[in-house]
Amino acid sequence: MESVMSVRAAAPRVSFRAAPSQAHRHVPKFPTSRCSIFIPRAPMAYRRGSIRAQQSESKDGSATLSPVNESEGNALKIKEWEVGNFQDEVAASQGIRIRRRPPTGPPLHYVGPFEFRIENEGNTPRNILEEIIWNKDKEVARMKERRPVYMLKKGLESAPPARDFVGALKASNLRTGLPGLIAEVKKASPSRGVLRETFDPVEIAQAYEKGGAACLSVLTDEKYFQGSFENLEAIRNAGVKCPLLCKEFIVDAWQIYYARIKGADAVLLIAAVLPDLDIRYMTKICKMLGLATLIEVHNEREMDRVLGIEGVELIGINNRDLETFEVDISNTKKLLEGKRGQMIREKDIIVVGESGLFTPDDIAYVQESGVRAVLVGESIVKKSDPAKGITELFGKDISL
């Protein structure tokens, strides 16, 4: 069977040769569709075996190639496909619509000397959250290759001590009589674009602390939110005393270790993305590392799943539908009514209201619904003085 050569540019220059003439092959005609160039066809000399580009360089700086046994490669692909299908089945059984990665390998079509990927329902993200997760899955895979988890575990020895994120929220709530504020250091978002052109993460964090924030949330996703783990590390190293939440789209336990060595005191887990088993496993890792876990839900089913997990201390109710990005703060009240609210009170779980909070009336509404903390970004980060923005948000000065 003819194989495809995949090349990753680990070196400055990678050259490709056009495939030999293949007049004998049938060239399919395609309907109108978005296409992206995938990979050049392998030269004829390599047709007998699967060839993969390795991350090494020759003296002239070009990528070097080494053969991979075709039968072993095929067996690995089949196993990965089986595991992926099983994960999708588990997630679907728990009402999770967000797929962690494309469910099937994108179809390949030959056009001249190149292979093209044709987007279809199977390999096209169905919404922005799914697109973010697919990108994150690839991003984390690359980062894990550069810094395996055993290297991160060694880094834990020199990581700054974890601080009490949950305790800080409770103390603020008792001191002010208002929900404890998790103020978000956030430059941009897919739905709103750039929120603050002049963006100094340390300066913003210090202003939040001055304004009375109990904790801070730091966006670390680069592609969609223009954040970074370097921002998180810089804020921690600057001496900001507020405990820090690493606001990352976590799909792998590796990210939890990485967040810890960068100075995080808490991490976010999204129930719309992670099955129960993953949440339980990642929560245990967080407790082992001294990190708090904010588990985010968006609907009744997700709330019921999370309430069934032992040891949960923080639940965030996101009023933004992560598939449509529409916001409705009444979602908080809906999820805290009846037996769910009663169970949350009995377990002494702190509920965090998220998204759509801009005024003192909004804060009062979610507080009356049962939240003891709020996570706010856009309405305060856009202010020229974020500390004053906090005062305006609560309708009073909540600083120490």
Protein backbone atom coordinates (compact mmCIF):
# COMPACT_ATOMS: atom_id res chain seq x y z
CA MET A 1 0.00 0.00 0.00
CA GLU A 2 1.34 3.39 -0.92
CA SER A 3 2.31 5.50 2.06
CA VAL A 4 2.47 9.17 2.84
CA MET A 5 5.52 10.98 4.11
CA SER A 6 4.80 13.32 7.01
CA VAL A 7 7.44 15.94 7.80
CA ARG A 8 7.58 18.17 10.86
CA ALA A 9 9.84 21.18 10.49
CA ALA A 10 12.26 20.68 13.33
CA ALA A 11 14.99 22.42 11.32
CA PRO A 12 15.16 25.80 9.55
CA ARG A 13 14.91 24.31 6.04
CA VAL A 14 12.90 21.42 4.83
CA SER A 15 12.75 20.78 1.11
CA PHE A 16 10.07 18.81 -0.72
CA ARG A 17 10.16 17.13 -4.12
CA ALA A 18 7.12 16.93 -6.31
CA ALA A 19 5.82 13.41 -6.79
CA PRO A 20 6.55 11.66 -10.08
CA SER A 21 3.89 11.68 -12.74
CA GLN A 22 0.93 9.52 -11.78
CA ALA A 23 -1.16 9.62 -14.90
CA HIS A 24 -2.40 6.09 -14.15
CA ARG A 25 -4.10 7.28 -10.96
CA HIS A 26 -7.67 8.51 -10.95
CA VAL A 27 -7.86 12.12 -9.77
CA PRO A 28 -11.20 12.73 -8.02
CA LYS A 29 -13.26 15.81 -8.62
CA PHE A 30 -14.22 17.64 -5.45
CA PRO A 31 -17.30 19.62 -4.50
CA THR A 32 -16.69 23.16 -3.29
CA SER A 33 -15.12 22.89 0.15
CA ARG A 34 -12.44 24.47 2.29
CA CYS A 35 -9.13 22.76 1.69
CA SER A 36 -5.73 23.00 3.32
CA ILE A 37 -2.52 21.52 1.95
CA PHE A 38 -1.59 18.50 4.02
CA ILE A 39 1.62 16.88 2.81
CA PRO A 40 3.62 16.30 -0.40
CA ARG A 41 3.48 12.83 -1.88
CA ALA A 42 6.46 10.71 -0.99
CA PRO A 43 9.13 10.25 -3.68
CA MET A 44 8.97 6.91 -5.51
CA ALA A 45 12.13 5.71 -3.80
CA TYR A 46 10.32 5.59 -0.47
CA ARG A 47 7.12 3.88 -1.63
CA ARG A 48 7.95 0.46 -0.17
CA GLY A 49 7.80 1.52 3.47
CA SER A 50 6.36 4.15 5.70
CA ILE A 51 8.72 7.10 6.12
CA ARG A 52 8.48 9.58 8.98
CA ALA A 53 10.51 12.74 9.51
CA GLN A 54 12.32 12.74 12.81
CA GLN A 55 13.20 15.85 14.82
CA SER A 56 16.86 15.85 13.98
CA GLU A 57 19.08 17.83 11.67
CA SER A 58 21.72 17.05 9.11
CA LYS A 59 24.77 19.24 8.66
CA ASP A 60 22.99 21.46 6.13
CA GLY A 61 20.08 22.06 8.54
CA SER A 62 17.51 19.95 6.71
CA ALA A 63 15.23 17.37 8.33
CA THR A 64 16.56 13.82 8.31
CA LEU A 65 14.43 10.77 7.60
CA SER A 66 14.43 7.32 9.13
CA PRO A 67 12.22 4.38 8.22
CA VAL A 68 9.45 3.12 10.50
CA ASN A 69 8.14 -0.41 10.25
CA GLU A 70 4.85 -0.15 8.37
CA SER A 71 3.05 -2.98 10.18
CA GLU A 72 3.96 -1.55 13.60
CA GLY A 73 2.84 1.90 12.50
CA ASN A 74 -0.49 0.57 11.29
CA ALA A 75 -1.05 -1.38 14.52
CA LEU A 76 -0.38 1.76 16.56
CA LYS A 77 -2.82 3.78 14.47
CA ILE A 78 -5.50 1.12 14.92
CA LYS A 79 -4.95 1.08 18.69
CA GLU A 80 -5.11 4.87 18.90
CA TRP A 81 -8.33 4.80 16.87
CA GLU A 82 -9.85 2.19 19.22
CA VAL A 83 -8.89 4.17 22.34
CA GLY A 84 -10.25 7.36 20.81
CA ASN A 85 -13.55 5.69 20.00
CA PHE A 86 -13.83 4.33 23.54
CA GLN A 87 -13.15 7.78 25.03
CA ASP A 88 -15.81 9.30 22.79
CA GLU A 89 -18.32 6.65 23.84
CA VAL A 90 -17.66 7.29 27.55
CA ALA A 91 -17.94 11.04 27.09
CA ALA A 92 -21.15 10.74 25.07
CA SER A 93 -22.72 8.54 27.76
CA GLN A 94 -22.19 11.43 30.21
CA GLY A 95 -23.73 14.02 27.89
CA ILE A 96 -20.40 15.49 26.78
CA ARG A 97 -20.75 16.91 23.27
CA ILE A 98 -17.25 18.36 22.99
CA ARG A 99 -14.93 15.90 21.23
CA ARG A 100 -11.34 15.89 22.45
CA ARG A 101 -9.94 15.44 18.95
CA PRO A 102 -11.23 14.71 15.42
CA PRO A 103 -13.08 11.37 15.61
CA THR A 104 -11.48 10.01 12.44
CA GLY A 105 -8.31 10.71 10.51
CA PRO A 106 -8.98 13.46 7.98
CA PRO A 107 -9.54 11.93 4.52
CA LEU A 108 -6.69 12.24 2.06
CA HIS A 109 -7.25 13.11 -1.59
CA TYR A 110 -4.61 13.22 -4.30
CA VAL A 111 -4.44 16.38 -6.40
CA GLY A 112 -1.35 16.67 -8.53
CA PRO A 113 1.78 16.39 -6.37
CA PHE A 114 0.02 17.14 -3.07
CA GLU A 115 -2.34 15.49 -0.62
CA PHE A 116 -5.26 17.66 0.52
CA ARG A 117 -7.43 17.42 3.61
CA ILE A 118 -11.09 17.96 2.82
CA GLU A 119 -13.10 19.30 5.75
CA ASN A 120 -16.32 17.47 6.52
CA GLU A 121 -18.65 17.05 9.47
CA GLY A 122 -16.36 14.50 11.08
CA ASN A 123 -13.11 16.46 11.13
CA THR A 124 -14.42 20.04 11.40
CA PRO A 125 -14.93 21.50 14.92
CA ARG A 126 -18.63 22.03 15.60
CA ASN A 127 -18.12 25.12 17.77
CA ILE A 128 -15.42 27.37 19.18
CA LEU A 129 -14.88 25.33 22.35
CA GLU A 130 -14.30 22.18 20.32
CA GLU A 131 -11.86 24.06 18.09
CA ILE A 132 -9.96 25.27 21.17
CA ILE A 133 -9.83 21.76 22.63
CA TRP A 134 -8.58 20.19 19.40
CA ASN A 135 -5.86 22.81 19.17
CA LYS A 136 -4.98 22.34 22.84
CA ASP A 137 -4.65 18.57 22.39
CA LYS A 138 -2.01 19.12 19.69
CA GLU A 139 -0.30 21.89 21.65
CA VAL A 140 0.04 19.79 24.79
CA ALA A 141 1.39 16.85 22.79
CA ARG A 142 4.17 19.08 21.49
CA MET A 143 4.93 20.50 24.94
CA LYS A 144 5.07 17.01 26.47
CA GLU A 145 7.69 15.99 23.91
CA ARG A 146 9.88 18.94 24.89
CA ARG A 147 9.32 18.58 28.65
CA PRO A 148 8.15 15.10 29.71
CA VAL A 149 6.26 14.82 32.99
CA TYR A 150 9.27 13.38 34.84
CA MET A 151 11.09 16.66 34.16
CA LEU A 152 8.14 18.62 35.55
CA LYS A 153 8.10 16.49 38.70
CA LYS A 154 11.72 17.41 39.30
CA GLY A 155 10.73 21.07 38.95
CA LEU A 156 8.22 20.72 41.79
CA GLU A 157 11.08 20.78 44.25
CA SER A 158 11.80 24.43 43.45
CA ALA A 159 8.18 25.53 42.86
CA PRO A 160 6.82 28.24 45.18
CA PRO A 161 4.55 26.92 47.96
CA ALA A 162 0.86 26.54 47.13
CA ARG A 163 -1.44 29.03 48.88
CA ASP A 164 -4.98 28.52 50.18
CA PHE A 165 -7.22 29.50 47.27
CA VAL A 166 -10.48 28.29 48.86
CA GLY A 167 -9.58 29.86 52.20
CA ALA A 168 -8.95 33.24 50.55
CA LEU A 169 -12.43 33.21 48.98
CA LYS A 170 -14.11 32.28 52.27
CA ALA A 171 -12.21 34.97 54.18
CA SER A 172 -13.17 37.65 51.65
CA ASN A 173 -16.82 36.59 51.74
CA LEU A 174 -16.86 36.83 55.55
CA ARG A 175 -15.02 40.16 55.59
CA THR A 176 -17.14 42.00 53.02
CA GLY A 177 -20.46 40.19 53.13
CA LEU A 178 -20.15 39.99 49.33
CA PRO A 179 -18.98 37.21 47.02
CA GLY A 180 -15.21 36.79 47.08
CA LEU A 181 -13.75 38.14 43.84
CA ILE A 182 -11.58 36.10 41.48
CA ALA A 183 -10.36 38.89 39.18
CA GLU A 184 -9.23 37.73 35.75
CA VAL A 185 -6.03 38.83 34.03
CA LYS A 186 -7.25 38.56 30.47
CA LYS A 187 -6.13 40.33 27.32
CA ALA A 188 -8.55 38.90 24.75
CA SER A 189 -11.26 36.33 24.06
CA PRO A 190 -12.68 34.67 20.93
CA SER A 191 -16.06 36.33 21.45
CA ARG A 192 -14.90 39.87 22.32
CA GLY A 193 -11.52 40.20 20.67
CA VAL A 194 -8.84 42.29 22.38
CA LEU A 195 -10.13 43.70 25.66
CA ARG A 196 -7.12 45.78 26.63
CA GLU A 197 -4.53 47.01 24.13
CA THR A 198 -2.01 48.18 26.74
CA PHE A 199 -1.60 44.95 28.63
CA ASP A 200 0.85 44.50 31.48
CA PRO A 201 -0.21 41.37 33.39
CA VAL A 202 1.77 42.22 36.54
CA GLU A 203 0.46 45.79 36.66
CA ILE A 204 -3.13 44.57 36.24
CA ALA A 205 -2.69 41.90 38.91
CA GLN A 206 -1.33 44.45 41.37
CA ALA A 207 -4.26 46.77 40.66
CA TYR A 208 -6.70 43.92 41.30
CA GLU A 209 -5.02 43.12 44.60
CA LYS A 210 -5.17 46.78 45.61
CA GLY A 211 -8.87 46.88 44.69
CA GLY A 212 -9.78 44.02 47.03
CA ALA A 213 -9.66 40.88 44.89
CA ALA A 214 -9.45 37.70 46.97
CA CYS A 215 -7.83 35.64 44.19
CA LEU A 216 -6.72 36.09 40.60
CA SER A 217 -7.41 34.08 37.45
CA VAL A 218 -4.69 34.15 34.79
CA LEU A 219 -5.44 33.11 31.20
CA THR A 220 -2.64 30.93 29.85
CA ASP A 221 -4.03 29.99 26.42
CA GLU A 222 -2.04 31.81 23.74
CA LYS A 223 -3.86 31.20 20.47
CA TYR A 224 -7.39 32.23 21.45
CA PHE A 225 -6.92 34.43 24.55
CA GLN A 226 -3.41 35.87 24.03
CA GLY A 227 -2.38 34.63 27.45
CA SER A 228 0.64 32.60 28.54
CA PHE A 229 2.17 30.59 31.34
CA GLU A 230 4.87 33.27 31.40
CA ASN A 231 2.20 35.76 32.55
CA LEU A 232 1.26 33.41 35.38
CA GLU A 233 4.88 33.00 36.40
CA ALA A 234 5.59 36.73 36.20
CA ILE A 235 2.65 37.58 38.47
CA ARG A 236 3.73 34.99 41.03
CA ASN A 237 7.34 36.19 40.96
CA ALA A 238 6.24 39.82 41.34
CA GLY A 239 5.10 39.11 44.89
CA VAL A 240 1.34 39.37 44.36
CA LYS A 241 -0.18 37.74 47.45
CA CYS A 242 -3.55 36.76 45.98
CA PRO A 243 -3.71 33.02 45.22
CA LEU A 244 -3.63 32.32 41.48
CA LEU A 245 -5.96 30.23 39.33
CA CYS A 246 -4.41 28.87 36.15
CA LYS A 247 -7.18 29.47 33.61
CA GLU A 248 -6.26 26.84 31.05
CA PHE A 249 -8.20 24.36 28.92
CA ILE A 250 -6.90 21.25 30.63
CA VAL A 251 -7.05 18.02 28.63
CA ASP A 252 -4.05 16.24 30.15
CA ALA A 253 -2.65 15.85 33.67
CA TRP A 254 0.66 17.16 32.32
CA GLN A 255 -0.84 20.67 32.30
CA ILE A 256 -1.55 20.45 36.02
CA TYR A 257 2.10 19.76 36.85
CA TYR A 258 3.17 22.55 34.50
CA ALA A 259 0.75 25.02 36.11
CA ARG A 260 2.10 24.10 39.55
CA ILE A 261 5.73 24.76 38.70
CA LYS A 262 4.71 28.09 37.12
CA GLY A 263 3.22 29.23 40.41
CA ALA A 264 -0.48 28.29 40.25
CA ASP A 265 -2.47 27.69 43.43
CA ALA A 266 -5.55 26.35 41.63
CA VAL A 267 -6.58 25.03 38.21
CA LEU A 268 -9.76 24.95 36.15
CA LEU A 269 -11.40 21.70 35.01
CA ILE A 270 -14.29 21.96 32.53
CA ALA A 271 -17.05 19.36 32.89
CA ALA A 272 -18.16 19.99 29.30
CA VAL A 273 -14.80 18.60 28.18
CA LEU A 274 -13.70 16.06 30.81
CA PRO A 275 -15.51 12.80 31.68
CA ASP A 276 -16.04 11.98 35.37
CA LEU A 277 -13.08 9.60 35.51
CA ASP A 278 -10.74 12.33 34.25
CA ILE A 279 -12.12 14.84 36.75
CA ARG A 280 -11.65 12.39 39.63
CA TYR A 281 -8.12 11.53 38.52
CA MET A 282 -7.08 15.15 37.97
CA THR A 283 -8.64 16.26 41.25
CA LYS A 284 -6.54 13.67 43.10
CA ILE A 285 -3.40 14.94 41.39
CA CYS A 286 -4.30 18.50 42.39
CA LYS A 287 -4.77 17.51 46.03
CA MET A 288 -1.44 15.71 45.95
CA LEU A 289 0.19 18.92 44.65
CA GLY A 290 -1.68 21.19 47.06
CA LEU A 291 -3.77 22.80 44.31
CA ALA A 292 -7.44 23.76 44.57
CA THR A 293 -9.71 22.64 41.73
CA LEU A 294 -12.43 24.84 40.27
CA ILE A 295 -14.77 22.55 38.32
CA GLU A 296 -16.83 24.46 35.80
CA VAL A 297 -20.37 23.47 34.78
CA HIS A 298 -22.89 24.98 32.38
CA ASN A 299 -26.09 22.95 32.71
CA GLU A 300 -28.07 20.67 35.02
CA ARG A 301 -26.51 17.44 33.80
CA GLU A 302 -22.98 18.69 34.33
CA MET A 303 -23.92 19.96 37.79
CA ASP A 304 -25.38 16.56 38.73
CA ARG A 305 -22.24 14.79 37.52
CA VAL A 306 -19.94 17.03 39.55
CA LEU A 307 -22.07 16.79 42.69
CA GLY A 308 -21.61 13.02 42.46
CA ILE A 309 -17.83 13.35 42.73
CA GLU A 310 -16.40 13.15 46.25
CA GLY A 311 -14.16 15.89 47.58
CA VAL A 312 -15.37 18.76 45.37
CA GLU A 313 -14.87 22.14 47.10
CA LEU A 314 -15.37 24.64 44.28
CA ILE A 315 -17.94 24.62 41.48
CA GLY A 316 -18.04 27.37 38.89
CA ILE A 317 -21.31 28.04 37.08
CA ASN A 318 -20.52 29.57 33.72
CA ASN A 319 -23.40 31.67 32.45
CA ARG A 320 -21.89 31.55 28.98
CA ASP A 321 -22.93 28.72 26.71
CA LEU A 322 -19.53 27.49 25.52
CA GLU A 323 -21.00 26.21 22.26
CA THR A 324 -22.87 29.38 21.24
CA PHE A 325 -21.06 31.86 23.56
CA GLU A 326 -24.42 33.42 24.49
CA VAL A 327 -24.68 34.69 28.09
CA ASP A 328 -27.62 34.39 30.51
CA ILE A 329 -26.95 35.03 34.22
CA SER A 330 -30.24 33.37 35.16
CA ASN A 331 -28.39 30.11 34.49
CA THR A 332 -26.78 30.47 37.92
CA LYS A 333 -30.14 30.65 39.67
CA LYS A 334 -31.52 27.74 37.67
CA LEU A 335 -28.66 25.42 38.64
CA LEU A 336 -28.86 26.30 42.35
CA GLU A 337 -32.57 25.74 42.85
CA GLY A 338 -34.14 22.83 44.73
CA LYS A 339 -32.20 19.71 45.67
CA ARG A 340 -29.01 20.80 43.96
CA GLY A 341 -28.78 23.94 46.06
CA GLN A 342 -29.56 21.96 49.20
CA MET A 343 -26.83 19.42 48.44
CA ILE A 344 -24.32 22.21 47.80
CA ARG A 345 -25.11 23.81 51.16
CA GLU A 346 -24.87 20.47 52.97
CA LYS A 347 -21.46 19.78 51.41
CA ASP A 348 -20.29 23.36 52.07
CA ILE A 349 -19.25 23.74 48.43
CA ILE A 350 -18.36 27.25 47.32
CA VAL A 351 -20.17 28.16 44.10
CA VAL A 352 -18.48 30.68 41.81
CA GLY A 353 -20.61 32.75 39.43
CA GLU A 354 -18.91 33.25 36.05
CA SER A 355 -19.59 35.40 32.96
CA GLY A 356 -22.06 38.21 32.32
CA LEU A 357 -21.39 40.09 35.57
CA PHE A 358 -21.05 43.84 35.00
CA THR A 359 -23.01 45.74 37.66
CA PRO A 360 -23.80 45.69 41.41
CA ASP A 361 -27.26 44.37 40.47
CA ASP A 362 -25.66 41.42 38.65
CA ILE A 363 -23.54 40.64 41.73
CA ALA A 364 -26.60 40.90 44.00
CA TYR A 365 -28.61 38.60 41.71
CA VAL A 366 -26.09 35.75 41.73
CA GLN A 367 -25.40 36.20 45.44
CA GLU A 368 -29.09 35.83 46.22
CA SER A 369 -29.06 32.71 44.05
CA GLY A 370 -26.44 31.15 46.33
CA VAL A 371 -22.94 31.99 45.08
CA ARG A 372 -20.19 32.90 47.53
CA ALA A 373 -17.64 33.94 44.91
CA VAL A 374 -17.57 35.45 41.43
CA LEU A 375 -15.04 35.26 38.61
CA VAL A 376 -14.98 38.49 36.62
CA GLY A 377 -12.70 39.61 33.81
CA GLU A 378 -14.09 41.74 31.01
CA SER A 379 -15.99 44.31 33.08
CA ILE A 380 -12.92 45.28 35.13
CA VAL A 381 -9.92 44.58 32.91
CA LYS A 382 -11.21 47.08 30.34
CA LYS A 383 -11.15 49.91 32.89
CA SER A 384 -8.20 52.30 32.81
CA ASP A 385 -7.91 51.70 36.56
CA PRO A 386 -8.93 48.09 37.32
CA ALA A 387 -9.00 48.80 41.08
CA LYS A 388 -11.72 51.41 40.55
CA GLY A 389 -13.43 48.97 38.21
CA ILE A 390 -13.80 46.57 41.15
CA THR A 391 -15.42 49.31 43.26
CA GLU A 392 -17.85 50.06 40.44
CA LEU A 393 -18.65 46.37 39.99
CA PHE A 394 -19.60 45.88 43.67
CA GLY A 395 -21.03 49.34 44.24
CA LYS A 396 -18.66 49.88 47.17
CA ASP A 397 -15.01 49.78 48.07
CA ILE A 398 -14.07 46.21 49.07
CA SER A 399 -10.33 46.81 49.44
CA LEU A 400 -8.56 46.05 52.71
